C-alpha cells in the first residue's frame, strides 16, 4: 500500500516538473522558473515524506486552478492546454488528500 503511494506521490511530483517545464517553453518568464524550482522542492519533500507537504501542494494546486480558470475558459481556443493542465491539477490535488495509498506512504 505504502509502496504504491510512493509511486503515486513521485508521479505527481514528476507531473509538476513536466508542467513547469512546459510552461517555461510556452511562456518564458521568472514566475515559470520559480514554478520549476518549486516543483523540484516539492519532489524533494515528497521523497523525504514530509506529511504537511501533501496538503500544502494540494492547496497550491487548487489556488492555481482558481486563479487561472476564468481566463482559461474565456480564451479556450488559445488556452485549451492550460484548461487541461488545470483539470490535472485538481485531480492531483484530490489524490494527494484523499488517495489511501498516498496517505499510507506519508504516514509511514
N, C-alpha and C. Protein backbone atom coordinates (compact mmCIF):
# COMPACT_ATOMS: atom_id res chain seq x y z
N UNK A 1 0.82 -1.18 0.00
CA UNK A 1 0.00 0.00 0.00
C UNK A 1 0.87 1.26 0.00
N UNK A 2 1.82 1.32 0.93
CA UNK A 2 2.68 2.49 1.01
C UNK A 2 3.59 2.58 -0.22
N UNK A 3 3.99 1.43 -0.76
CA UNK A 3 4.85 1.45 -1.95
C UNK A 3 4.11 2.04 -3.15
N UNK A 4 2.84 1.69 -3.29
CA UNK A 4 2.02 2.26 -4.36
C UNK A 4 1.84 3.76 -4.13
N UNK A 5 1.66 4.17 -2.88
CA UNK A 5 1.54 5.59 -2.55
C UNK A 5 2.81 6.36 -2.89
N UNK A 6 3.95 5.72 -2.66
CA UNK A 6 5.23 6.35 -3.00
C UNK A 6 5.31 6.59 -4.51
N UNK A 7 4.90 5.61 -5.29
CA UNK A 7 4.91 5.75 -6.75
C UNK A 7 3.95 6.85 -7.21
N UNK A 8 2.77 6.89 -6.60
CA UNK A 8 1.80 7.92 -6.98
C UNK A 8 2.30 9.32 -6.61
N UNK A 9 2.86 9.47 -5.41
CA UNK A 9 3.38 10.77 -4.99
C UNK A 9 4.53 11.19 -5.89
N UNK A 10 5.40 10.25 -6.23
CA UNK A 10 6.50 10.55 -7.14
C UNK A 10 5.96 10.94 -8.51
N UNK A 11 4.94 10.24 -8.98
CA UNK A 11 4.33 10.56 -10.26
C UNK A 11 3.73 11.97 -10.29
N UNK A 12 3.10 12.36 -9.19
CA UNK A 12 2.55 13.71 -9.11
C UNK A 12 3.67 14.74 -9.14
N UNK A 13 4.75 14.46 -8.43
CA UNK A 13 5.87 15.42 -8.44
C UNK A 13 6.52 15.50 -9.82
N UNK A 14 6.59 14.39 -10.53
CA UNK A 14 7.11 14.41 -11.91
C UNK A 14 6.17 15.22 -12.80
N UNK A 15 4.85 15.03 -12.62
CA UNK A 15 3.87 15.83 -13.36
C UNK A 15 4.11 17.32 -13.14
N UNK A 16 4.35 17.71 -11.88
CA UNK A 16 4.56 19.13 -11.58
C UNK A 16 5.82 19.67 -12.27
N UNK A 17 6.85 18.86 -12.33
CA UNK A 17 8.08 19.29 -13.01
C UNK A 17 7.85 19.41 -14.51
N UNK A 18 7.18 18.44 -15.11
CA UNK A 18 6.88 18.49 -16.54
C UNK A 18 5.99 19.69 -16.85
N UNK A 19 5.01 19.93 -16.00
CA UNK A 19 4.10 21.07 -16.17
C UNK A 19 4.88 22.38 -16.13
N UNK A 20 5.78 22.52 -15.16
CA UNK A 20 6.57 23.74 -15.04
C UNK A 20 7.50 23.91 -16.24
N UNK A 21 8.11 22.83 -16.70
CA UNK A 21 9.00 22.90 -17.86
C UNK A 21 8.21 23.29 -19.11
N UNK A 22 7.03 22.72 -19.28
CA UNK A 22 6.18 23.07 -20.41
C UNK A 22 5.77 24.54 -20.36
N UNK A 23 5.44 25.03 -19.17
CA UNK A 23 5.09 26.44 -19.03
C UNK A 23 6.27 27.35 -19.39
N UNK A 24 7.48 26.93 -19.08
CA UNK A 24 8.66 27.71 -19.46
C UNK A 24 8.79 27.75 -20.98
N UNK A 25 8.56 26.63 -21.62
CA UNK A 25 8.65 26.57 -23.09
C UNK A 25 7.57 27.44 -23.73
N UNK A 26 6.35 27.38 -23.19
CA UNK A 26 5.25 28.14 -23.78
C UNK A 26 5.29 29.63 -23.45
N UNK A 27 5.82 29.97 -22.28
CA UNK A 27 5.82 31.36 -21.85
C UNK A 27 6.97 31.58 -20.88
N UNK A 28 8.14 31.87 -21.40
CA UNK A 28 9.33 32.01 -20.57
C UNK A 28 9.24 33.29 -19.74
N UNK A 29 9.20 33.12 -18.42
CA UNK A 29 9.25 34.27 -17.52
C UNK A 29 9.74 33.81 -16.15
N UNK A 30 10.01 34.77 -15.29
CA UNK A 30 10.57 34.48 -13.97
C UNK A 30 9.62 33.62 -13.13
N UNK A 31 8.33 33.89 -13.22
CA UNK A 31 7.36 33.12 -12.46
C UNK A 31 7.39 31.64 -12.81
N UNK A 32 7.55 31.34 -14.09
CA UNK A 32 7.61 29.93 -14.50
C UNK A 32 8.90 29.26 -14.06
N UNK A 33 9.99 30.03 -14.01
CA UNK A 33 11.25 29.48 -13.49
C UNK A 33 11.08 29.15 -12.01
N UNK A 34 10.41 30.04 -11.28
CA UNK A 34 10.15 29.78 -9.86
C UNK A 34 9.22 28.57 -9.70
N UNK A 35 8.29 28.39 -10.63
CA UNK A 35 7.43 27.22 -10.61
C UNK A 35 8.22 25.93 -10.76
N UNK A 36 9.23 25.95 -11.62
CA UNK A 36 10.07 24.77 -11.81
C UNK A 36 10.88 24.48 -10.54
N UNK A 37 11.42 25.52 -9.94
CA UNK A 37 12.16 25.33 -8.69
C UNK A 37 11.23 24.81 -7.58
N UNK A 38 10.04 25.34 -7.52
CA UNK A 38 9.05 24.88 -6.52
C UNK A 38 8.71 23.40 -6.74
N UNK A 39 8.53 23.03 -7.99
CA UNK A 39 8.21 21.63 -8.31
C UNK A 39 9.35 20.71 -7.87
N UNK A 40 10.57 21.15 -8.08
CA UNK A 40 11.73 20.36 -7.63
C UNK A 40 11.76 20.22 -6.11
N UNK A 41 11.45 21.31 -5.42
CA UNK A 41 11.41 21.25 -3.95
C UNK A 41 10.27 20.36 -3.46
N UNK A 42 9.16 20.40 -4.15
CA UNK A 42 8.04 19.52 -3.79
C UNK A 42 8.46 18.07 -3.94
N UNK A 43 9.17 17.76 -5.02
CA UNK A 43 9.64 16.39 -5.22
C UNK A 43 10.53 15.95 -4.05
N UNK A 44 11.44 16.83 -3.64
CA UNK A 44 12.33 16.51 -2.53
C UNK A 44 11.53 16.25 -1.25
N UNK A 45 10.54 17.11 -0.98
CA UNK A 45 9.74 16.92 0.25
C UNK A 45 8.91 15.64 0.18
N UNK A 46 8.49 15.26 -1.01
CA UNK A 46 7.74 14.00 -1.16
C UNK A 46 8.66 12.81 -0.90
N UNK A 47 9.88 12.87 -1.42
CA UNK A 47 10.83 11.77 -1.21
C UNK A 47 11.19 11.67 0.27
N UNK A 48 11.31 12.81 0.95
CA UNK A 48 11.63 12.82 2.38
C UNK A 48 10.40 12.56 3.26
N UNK A 49 9.24 12.40 2.65
CA UNK A 49 7.99 12.10 3.33
C UNK A 49 7.63 13.13 4.40
N UNK A 50 7.60 14.39 4.01
CA UNK A 50 7.17 15.45 4.91
C UNK A 50 5.65 15.56 4.76
N UNK A 51 4.90 15.05 5.74
CA UNK A 51 3.45 14.89 5.59
C UNK A 51 2.68 16.16 5.25
N UNK A 52 3.04 17.27 5.86
CA UNK A 52 2.28 18.51 5.63
C UNK A 52 2.35 18.95 4.17
N UNK A 53 3.36 18.52 3.45
CA UNK A 53 3.53 18.94 2.05
C UNK A 53 2.46 18.36 1.14
N UNK A 54 1.83 17.27 1.56
CA UNK A 54 0.66 16.77 0.80
C UNK A 54 -0.39 17.86 0.73
N UNK A 55 -0.69 18.43 1.87
CA UNK A 55 -1.75 19.44 1.95
C UNK A 55 -1.32 20.76 1.33
N UNK A 56 -0.09 21.16 1.59
CA UNK A 56 0.42 22.42 1.02
C UNK A 56 0.39 22.35 -0.50
N UNK A 57 0.83 21.23 -1.05
CA UNK A 57 0.85 21.07 -2.51
C UNK A 57 -0.56 21.04 -3.08
N UNK A 58 -1.47 20.35 -2.41
CA UNK A 58 -2.86 20.30 -2.88
C UNK A 58 -3.48 21.70 -2.87
N UNK A 59 -3.26 22.45 -1.80
CA UNK A 59 -3.80 23.82 -1.72
C UNK A 59 -3.18 24.69 -2.80
N UNK A 60 -1.89 24.55 -3.02
CA UNK A 60 -1.19 25.29 -4.08
C UNK A 60 -1.82 24.99 -5.44
N UNK A 61 -2.08 23.72 -5.72
CA UNK A 61 -2.68 23.34 -7.00
C UNK A 61 -4.09 23.89 -7.14
N UNK A 62 -4.87 23.84 -6.07
CA UNK A 62 -6.23 24.38 -6.11
C UNK A 62 -6.22 25.89 -6.33
N UNK A 63 -5.31 26.59 -5.65
CA UNK A 63 -5.22 28.05 -5.83
C UNK A 63 -4.80 28.42 -7.25
N UNK A 64 -3.88 27.65 -7.82
CA UNK A 64 -3.50 27.89 -9.22
C UNK A 64 -4.71 27.72 -10.14
N UNK A 65 -5.47 26.68 -9.90
CA UNK A 65 -6.66 26.43 -10.71
C UNK A 65 -7.65 27.58 -10.60
N UNK A 66 -7.94 28.00 -9.38
CA UNK A 66 -8.90 29.08 -9.15
C UNK A 66 -8.43 30.39 -9.77
N UNK A 67 -7.14 30.67 -9.65
CA UNK A 67 -6.60 31.92 -10.17
C UNK A 67 -6.66 31.99 -11.70
N UNK A 68 -6.61 30.85 -12.37
CA UNK A 68 -6.49 30.84 -13.82
C UNK A 68 -7.72 30.35 -14.58
N UNK A 69 -8.70 29.80 -13.89
CA UNK A 69 -9.82 29.16 -14.58
C UNK A 69 -10.62 30.12 -15.45
N UNK A 70 -10.87 31.32 -14.96
CA UNK A 70 -11.68 32.26 -15.74
C UNK A 70 -11.02 32.60 -17.07
N UNK A 71 -9.75 32.94 -17.03
CA UNK A 71 -9.03 33.27 -18.26
C UNK A 71 -8.95 32.07 -19.20
N UNK A 72 -8.77 30.89 -18.64
CA UNK A 72 -8.67 29.68 -19.46
C UNK A 72 -9.99 29.36 -20.16
N UNK A 73 -11.11 29.63 -19.51
CA UNK A 73 -12.41 29.36 -20.13
C UNK A 73 -12.75 30.44 -21.16
N UNK A 74 -12.51 31.70 -20.81
CA UNK A 74 -12.84 32.80 -21.72
C UNK A 74 -12.05 32.69 -23.03
N UNK A 75 -10.80 32.33 -22.92
CA UNK A 75 -9.94 32.21 -24.11
C UNK A 75 -9.63 30.75 -24.42
N UNK A 76 -10.65 29.92 -24.42
CA UNK A 76 -10.43 28.47 -24.54
C UNK A 76 -9.76 28.08 -25.87
N UNK A 77 -10.01 28.85 -26.91
CA UNK A 77 -9.41 28.48 -28.20
C UNK A 77 -7.89 28.57 -28.17
N UNK A 78 -7.35 29.50 -27.39
CA UNK A 78 -5.89 29.63 -27.32
C UNK A 78 -5.32 29.09 -26.01
N UNK A 79 -6.17 28.79 -25.04
CA UNK A 79 -5.70 28.33 -23.73
C UNK A 79 -6.18 26.93 -23.36
N UNK A 80 -6.55 26.13 -24.35
CA UNK A 80 -7.10 24.82 -24.05
C UNK A 80 -6.10 23.94 -23.29
N UNK A 81 -4.81 24.09 -23.59
CA UNK A 81 -3.81 23.27 -22.90
C UNK A 81 -3.73 23.64 -21.42
N UNK A 82 -3.94 24.93 -21.11
CA UNK A 82 -3.93 25.37 -19.72
C UNK A 82 -5.19 24.89 -18.98
N UNK A 83 -6.29 24.76 -19.70
CA UNK A 83 -7.51 24.22 -19.09
C UNK A 83 -7.30 22.75 -18.73
N UNK A 84 -6.68 22.00 -19.62
CA UNK A 84 -6.37 20.59 -19.33
C UNK A 84 -5.41 20.51 -18.14
N UNK A 85 -4.43 21.40 -18.12
CA UNK A 85 -3.48 21.44 -17.00
C UNK A 85 -4.22 21.71 -15.69
N UNK A 86 -5.18 22.60 -15.70
CA UNK A 86 -5.95 22.90 -14.50
C UNK A 86 -6.75 21.71 -14.02
N UNK A 87 -7.33 20.98 -14.95
CA UNK A 87 -8.09 19.78 -14.58
C UNK A 87 -7.16 18.74 -13.96
N UNK A 88 -5.98 18.57 -14.54
CA UNK A 88 -4.99 17.65 -13.98
C UNK A 88 -4.54 18.10 -12.59
N UNK A 89 -4.45 19.42 -12.39
CA UNK A 89 -4.09 19.96 -11.07
C UNK A 89 -5.13 19.56 -10.02
N UNK A 90 -6.41 19.68 -10.37
CA UNK A 90 -7.48 19.31 -9.45
C UNK A 90 -7.41 17.82 -9.11
N UNK A 91 -7.18 17.00 -10.12
CA UNK A 91 -7.08 15.55 -9.90
C UNK A 91 -5.89 15.24 -9.00
N UNK A 92 -4.74 15.85 -9.28
CA UNK A 92 -3.54 15.61 -8.48
C UNK A 92 -3.75 16.06 -7.03
N UNK A 93 -4.36 17.23 -6.85
CA UNK A 93 -4.62 17.72 -5.50
C UNK A 93 -5.55 16.80 -4.73
N UNK A 94 -6.58 16.32 -5.40
CA UNK A 94 -7.52 15.39 -4.75
C UNK A 94 -6.82 14.09 -4.37
N UNK A 95 -5.98 13.61 -5.24
CA UNK A 95 -5.24 12.38 -4.94
C UNK A 95 -4.34 12.58 -3.72
N UNK A 96 -3.67 13.72 -3.64
CA UNK A 96 -2.78 13.97 -2.51
C UNK A 96 -3.53 13.96 -1.18
N UNK A 97 -4.76 14.41 -1.19
CA UNK A 97 -5.52 14.50 0.05
C UNK A 97 -6.29 13.21 0.35
N UNK A 98 -6.90 12.61 -0.66
CA UNK A 98 -7.86 11.54 -0.40
C UNK A 98 -7.38 10.13 -0.76
N UNK A 99 -6.37 9.98 -1.57
CA UNK A 99 -5.96 8.65 -2.02
C UNK A 99 -5.30 7.89 -0.85
N UNK A 100 -5.83 6.72 -0.52
CA UNK A 100 -5.41 5.99 0.68
C UNK A 100 -3.95 5.53 0.63
N UNK A 101 -3.45 5.16 -0.55
CA UNK A 101 -2.06 4.71 -0.63
C UNK A 101 -1.09 5.87 -0.41
N UNK A 102 -1.43 7.04 -0.91
CA UNK A 102 -0.57 8.21 -0.68
C UNK A 102 -0.59 8.56 0.81
N UNK A 103 -1.75 8.48 1.43
CA UNK A 103 -1.84 8.72 2.89
C UNK A 103 -0.94 7.75 3.62
N UNK A 104 -1.03 6.48 3.26
CA UNK A 104 -0.22 5.44 3.94
C UNK A 104 1.27 5.71 3.76
N UNK A 105 1.67 6.15 2.59
CA UNK A 105 3.09 6.44 2.34
C UNK A 105 3.58 7.56 3.25
N UNK A 106 2.82 8.64 3.36
CA UNK A 106 3.26 9.77 4.17
C UNK A 106 3.13 9.51 5.67
N UNK A 107 2.27 8.60 6.07
CA UNK A 107 2.08 8.31 7.49
C UNK A 107 2.99 7.21 7.99
N UNK A 108 3.77 6.64 7.13
CA UNK A 108 4.67 5.53 7.47
C UNK A 108 5.82 6.00 8.33
